[in-house]
Structure formats: C-alpha cells, structure tokens
N, C-alpha and C. Protein backbone atom coordinates (compact mmCIF):
# COMPACT_ATOMS: atom_id res chain seq x y z
N MET A 1 99.99 69.14 163.60
CA MET A 1 99.70 69.75 162.71
C MET A 1 100.19 69.33 161.27
N ASP A 2 98.99 68.37 160.55
CA ASP A 2 99.49 67.71 159.27
C ASP A 2 98.92 69.01 157.92
N LEU A 3 99.90 69.27 157.60
CA LEU A 3 99.71 70.31 156.49
C LEU A 3 99.49 69.75 155.16
N ALA A 4 99.52 68.26 154.93
CA ALA A 4 99.42 67.67 153.42
C ALA A 4 98.33 67.79 152.92
N PRO A 5 96.91 68.15 153.68
CA PRO A 5 95.75 68.25 152.48
C PRO A 5 95.82 69.98 152.08
N VAL A 6 96.26 70.93 153.11
CA VAL A 6 96.62 72.41 152.51
C VAL A 6 97.61 72.09 151.52
N THR A 7 98.56 71.40 151.71
CA THR A 7 99.62 71.33 149.86
C THR A 7 99.00 70.61 149.05
N ILE A 8 98.23 69.37 149.24
CA ILE A 8 97.40 68.98 148.14
C ILE A 8 96.46 69.96 147.50
N ALA A 9 95.82 70.58 148.17
CA ALA A 9 94.47 71.66 147.76
C ALA A 9 95.59 72.68 146.99
N ILE A 10 96.45 73.41 147.56
CA ILE A 10 97.09 74.48 147.01
C ILE A 10 97.82 74.03 145.50
N ALA A 11 98.38 72.41 145.44
CA ALA A 11 98.72 72.29 144.41
C ALA A 11 97.93 72.11 143.11
N LEU A 12 96.64 71.13 143.74
CA LEU A 12 95.64 71.12 142.76
C LEU A 12 95.23 72.25 142.26
N ILE A 13 95.15 73.53 142.80
CA ILE A 13 94.85 75.00 142.71
C ILE A 13 95.74 75.34 141.44
N SER A 14 97.23 75.32 141.81
CA SER A 14 98.38 75.67 140.60
C SER A 14 98.00 74.57 139.41
N ALA A 15 98.04 73.22 139.67
CA ALA A 15 98.09 72.53 138.35
C ALA A 15 96.38 73.26 137.32
N ALA A 16 95.41 73.50 138.23
CA ALA A 16 94.34 73.79 137.50
C ALA A 16 94.61 75.21 136.45
N LEU A 17 95.55 76.12 137.34
CA LEU A 17 95.53 77.33 137.02
C LEU A 17 96.62 77.18 135.49
N TRP A 18 97.34 76.09 135.78
CA TRP A 18 98.48 76.07 134.57
C TRP A 18 97.71 75.28 133.40
N PHE A 19 96.62 74.29 133.52
CA PHE A 19 95.77 73.84 132.48
C PHE A 19 95.09 75.45 131.93
N TYR A 20 94.61 75.78 132.57
CA TYR A 20 93.73 77.14 131.96
C TYR A 20 94.80 77.91 131.41
N ALA A 21 96.07 78.06 131.88
CA ALA A 21 97.04 79.07 131.01
C ALA A 21 97.55 78.35 129.45
N CYS A 22 97.20 77.27 129.30
CA CYS A 22 97.27 76.44 127.87
C CYS A 22 96.38 76.95 127.40
N LYS A 23 95.11 77.48 127.50
CA LYS A 23 94.63 77.77 126.22
C LYS A 23 94.95 78.91 125.40
N THR A 24 94.62 78.49 124.11
CA THR A 24 94.98 79.40 123.22
C THR A 24 94.02 80.52 122.90
N VAL A 25 94.02 81.86 122.33
CA VAL A 25 93.12 83.04 122.10
C VAL A 25 92.89 83.12 120.49
N SER A 26 91.82 83.12 120.18
CA SER A 26 91.70 83.11 118.64
C SER A 26 91.45 84.75 118.42
N ARG A 27 91.91 84.62 117.06
CA ARG A 27 91.72 85.97 116.60
C ARG A 27 90.23 87.06 116.94
N LYS A 28 89.76 86.29 116.70
CA LYS A 28 88.18 86.67 116.86
C LYS A 28 87.91 86.91 118.47
N GLN A 29 88.33 86.34 119.48
CA GLN A 29 88.02 86.64 120.48
C GLN A 29 88.98 88.01 120.86
N GLU A 30 90.37 88.14 120.39
CA GLU A 30 91.07 89.23 120.61
C GLU A 30 90.37 90.46 120.09
N LEU A 31 90.02 90.03 118.97
CA LEU A 31 89.03 91.46 118.53
C LEU A 31 88.03 91.79 119.34
N ALA A 32 87.10 90.76 120.21
CA ALA A 32 86.14 91.21 120.53
C ALA A 32 86.64 91.95 122.07
N ARG A 33 87.50 91.36 122.49
CA ARG A 33 88.30 92.23 123.87
C ARG A 33 88.92 93.34 123.54
N ARG A 34 89.36 93.57 122.15
CA ARG A 34 89.59 95.13 122.11
C ARG A 34 88.80 95.82 121.62
N ILE A 35 87.38 95.56 121.18
CA ILE A 35 86.42 96.32 121.04
C ILE A 35 85.62 96.81 122.56
N ARG A 36 85.66 95.63 123.25
CA ARG A 36 85.29 95.87 124.45
C ARG A 36 86.02 96.98 125.51
N ALA A 37 87.52 96.90 125.22
CA ALA A 37 88.25 98.05 125.95
C ALA A 37 88.69 98.78 125.43
N ALA A 38 88.13 99.20 123.98
CA ALA A 38 88.48 100.63 123.34
C ALA A 38 87.01 101.94 124.11
N ALA A 39 87.94 102.92 124.11
CA ALA A 39 87.27 104.04 124.63
C ALA A 39 86.10 104.50 123.34
N PRO A 40 85.26 105.22 124.00
CA PRO A 40 84.43 105.64 122.69
C PRO A 40 85.12 106.57 121.74
N GLY A 41 85.03 106.37 120.63
CA GLY A 41 85.75 107.45 119.59
C GLY A 41 87.45 106.94 119.20
N GLU A 42 87.93 106.21 119.99
CA GLU A 42 89.13 105.47 120.09
C GLU A 42 89.28 104.89 118.74
N GLN A 43 90.56 105.03 117.92
CA GLN A 43 90.73 104.13 116.75
C GLN A 43 90.96 102.98 117.48
N LEU A 44 90.50 101.71 116.96
CA LEU A 44 90.24 100.26 117.14
C LEU A 44 92.03 99.80 116.45
N ASP A 45 92.57 99.21 117.67
CA ASP A 45 93.86 98.63 116.69
C ASP A 45 93.69 97.28 116.27
N ARG A 46 93.80 96.98 115.17
CA ARG A 46 93.46 95.81 114.56
C ARG A 46 94.98 94.82 114.05
N GLY A 47 95.92 95.35 114.61
CA GLY A 47 97.17 94.69 114.70
C GLY A 47 97.39 93.48 115.14
N GLY A 48 98.20 92.40 114.87
CA GLY A 48 98.49 91.09 115.55
C GLY A 48 99.19 90.36 114.63
N VAL A 49 99.51 89.06 115.33
CA VAL A 49 100.24 88.30 114.72
C VAL A 49 99.63 86.98 114.89
N GLU A 50 99.20 86.20 113.49
CA GLU A 50 98.32 85.31 113.74
C GLU A 50 99.19 83.90 113.58
N ILE A 51 98.96 82.81 114.18
CA ILE A 51 99.18 81.80 113.83
C ILE A 51 98.59 80.61 113.41
N VAL A 52 98.74 80.09 112.42
CA VAL A 52 97.83 79.04 112.00
C VAL A 52 98.00 77.88 111.74
N ASP A 53 97.62 76.60 112.68
CA ASP A 53 97.76 75.53 112.83
C ASP A 53 96.51 74.57 112.38
N GLY A 54 96.79 74.04 111.27
CA GLY A 54 95.75 73.19 110.84
C GLY A 54 94.55 73.83 110.14
N GLN A 55 93.31 73.73 110.85
CA GLN A 55 92.20 74.89 110.62
C GLN A 55 91.95 75.88 111.92
N ALA A 56 93.09 75.39 112.71
CA ALA A 56 92.58 76.57 113.64
C ALA A 56 93.55 77.70 113.49
N ARG A 57 93.13 79.11 113.83
CA ARG A 57 94.07 80.11 114.09
C ARG A 57 94.18 81.05 115.33
N TYR A 58 95.02 81.30 115.51
CA TYR A 58 95.38 81.92 116.87
C TYR A 58 96.02 82.82 116.90
N ASP A 59 95.57 84.21 118.03
CA ASP A 59 96.50 85.53 117.78
C ASP A 59 97.44 85.38 119.19
N LEU A 60 98.67 85.41 118.46
CA LEU A 60 100.26 84.59 119.34
C LEU A 60 100.08 85.97 120.51
N ILE A 61 100.29 87.41 120.20
CA ILE A 61 100.03 88.04 121.39
C ILE A 61 99.03 88.00 122.47
N ALA A 62 97.87 87.82 121.96
CA ALA A 62 96.96 87.73 122.87
C ALA A 62 97.26 86.58 123.54
N THR A 63 97.61 85.50 122.92
CA THR A 63 97.77 84.14 123.66
C THR A 63 99.00 83.98 124.50
N LEU A 64 100.17 84.87 124.32
CA LEU A 64 101.32 84.80 125.00
C LEU A 64 100.58 85.96 126.64
N ARG A 65 99.80 86.59 126.52
CA ARG A 65 99.18 87.58 127.37
C ARG A 65 98.69 86.70 128.55
N HIS A 66 97.49 86.18 127.82
CA HIS A 66 96.79 85.38 128.48
C HIS A 66 97.27 84.15 129.35
N GLN A 67 98.38 83.56 128.58
CA GLN A 67 99.50 82.51 129.40
C GLN A 67 100.32 83.06 130.17
N ALA A 68 100.88 84.25 130.20
CA ALA A 68 101.68 85.26 131.29
C ALA A 68 100.76 85.62 132.37
N ARG A 69 99.54 85.89 132.16
CA ARG A 69 98.89 86.31 133.08
C ARG A 69 98.71 85.30 134.19
N TRP A 70 98.15 83.87 133.55
CA TRP A 70 97.94 82.54 134.54
C TRP A 70 99.00 81.94 135.16
N ASN A 71 99.87 81.94 134.47
CA ASN A 71 101.14 81.20 134.56
C ASN A 71 101.50 82.10 136.16
N ARG A 72 101.64 83.16 136.06
CA ARG A 72 102.40 83.97 137.12
C ARG A 72 101.23 83.32 138.45
N PHE A 73 99.82 83.33 138.32
CA PHE A 73 98.93 83.02 139.43
C PHE A 73 99.66 81.35 140.00
N ALA A 74 99.79 80.38 138.90
CA ALA A 74 99.91 79.07 138.98
C ALA A 74 101.29 79.07 139.80
N ALA A 75 102.46 79.93 139.46
CA ALA A 75 103.76 79.83 139.80
C ALA A 75 103.75 80.27 141.43
N LEU A 76 102.85 81.05 141.74
CA LEU A 76 102.54 81.30 143.31
C LEU A 76 101.86 80.58 143.96
N PHE A 77 100.85 79.97 143.55
CA PHE A 77 100.73 78.35 144.15
C PHE A 77 101.67 77.44 144.39
N THR A 78 102.10 77.22 143.63
CA THR A 78 103.35 76.52 143.60
C THR A 78 104.01 76.56 144.58
N ALA A 79 104.82 78.00 144.44
CA ALA A 79 105.63 77.99 146.10
C ALA A 79 104.75 77.83 147.10
N LEU A 80 103.49 78.30 147.26
CA LEU A 80 102.75 78.69 148.47
C LEU A 80 102.76 76.66 148.67
N ALA A 81 102.48 76.01 147.91
CA ALA A 81 102.54 74.48 148.24
C ALA A 81 103.89 74.29 148.83
N LEU A 82 104.90 74.35 148.01
CA LEU A 82 106.26 74.05 148.51
C LEU A 82 106.63 74.61 149.95
N ILE A 83 106.15 75.99 150.23
CA ILE A 83 106.36 76.45 151.36
C ILE A 83 105.68 75.49 152.28
N ALA A 84 104.53 75.29 152.35
CA ALA A 84 103.73 74.42 153.16
C ALA A 84 104.21 73.08 153.07
N GLN A 85 104.80 72.41 152.37
CA GLN A 85 105.32 70.90 152.39
C GLN A 85 106.72 71.20 152.93
N ALA A 86 107.33 72.32 152.99
CA ALA A 86 108.80 72.45 153.64
C ALA A 86 108.43 73.07 155.08
N VAL A 87 107.33 73.53 155.45
CA VAL A 87 107.42 73.64 156.90
C VAL A 87 106.56 72.58 157.58
N ASP A 88 105.85 71.70 156.91
CA ASP A 88 104.83 70.51 157.65
C ASP A 88 106.09 69.83 158.67
N PRO A 89 107.10 69.23 158.33
CA PRO A 89 107.72 68.30 159.19
C PRO A 89 108.09 69.45 160.54
N LEU A 90 108.03 70.63 160.52
CA LEU A 90 108.45 71.49 161.42
C LEU A 90 107.26 71.75 162.61
N VAL A 91 106.21 71.56 161.56
CA VAL A 91 104.81 71.96 162.97
C VAL A 91 104.47 70.81 163.68
C-alpha cells in the first residue's frame, strides 16, 4: 500500500493552514469580534496593542491569538504527514 498520496494530501493541508495562520488581524476586526463575544450589559474591553506598518494597522494580541490557533492545527497535520511518511516503507 502506497501512502505517498495520503502524505502529500496531509502536507498540503498543513501548508494551507500555515498560510492562513500568516493572516494579520486589524484593530477593527478585533473590536468587531469583541462586540460579538460580549454578553449583554458587559463592559467592552477596548484595550490592545496596535502595530503600525506603513498605512496598515494590526492588533498584536489578536494576530498572535489567530496565529497560535491555526499554527497548532498546521503542526498537527505536519506530524500526521511525518508519521504517514515514516510508516510508508513498513506497509
């Protein structure tokens, strides 16, 4: 049984997840997320750390949260691809 197609598919999923993890989160997007997540009557937290890169502005904490969330899935799929590649000669 050849696991190469499986390994390739899993590796491509991992690469796509890592590319998605590279996305930055703007201050406006983070405030919109906080408004949606806030319970009725709850005080809205408007704090944060903003990065200014030319004309673009990014929320540092939200960007790191987004990247951490998607990096863990990418790492999981990379590990699965590695396991499939290691098991392939044995099957």
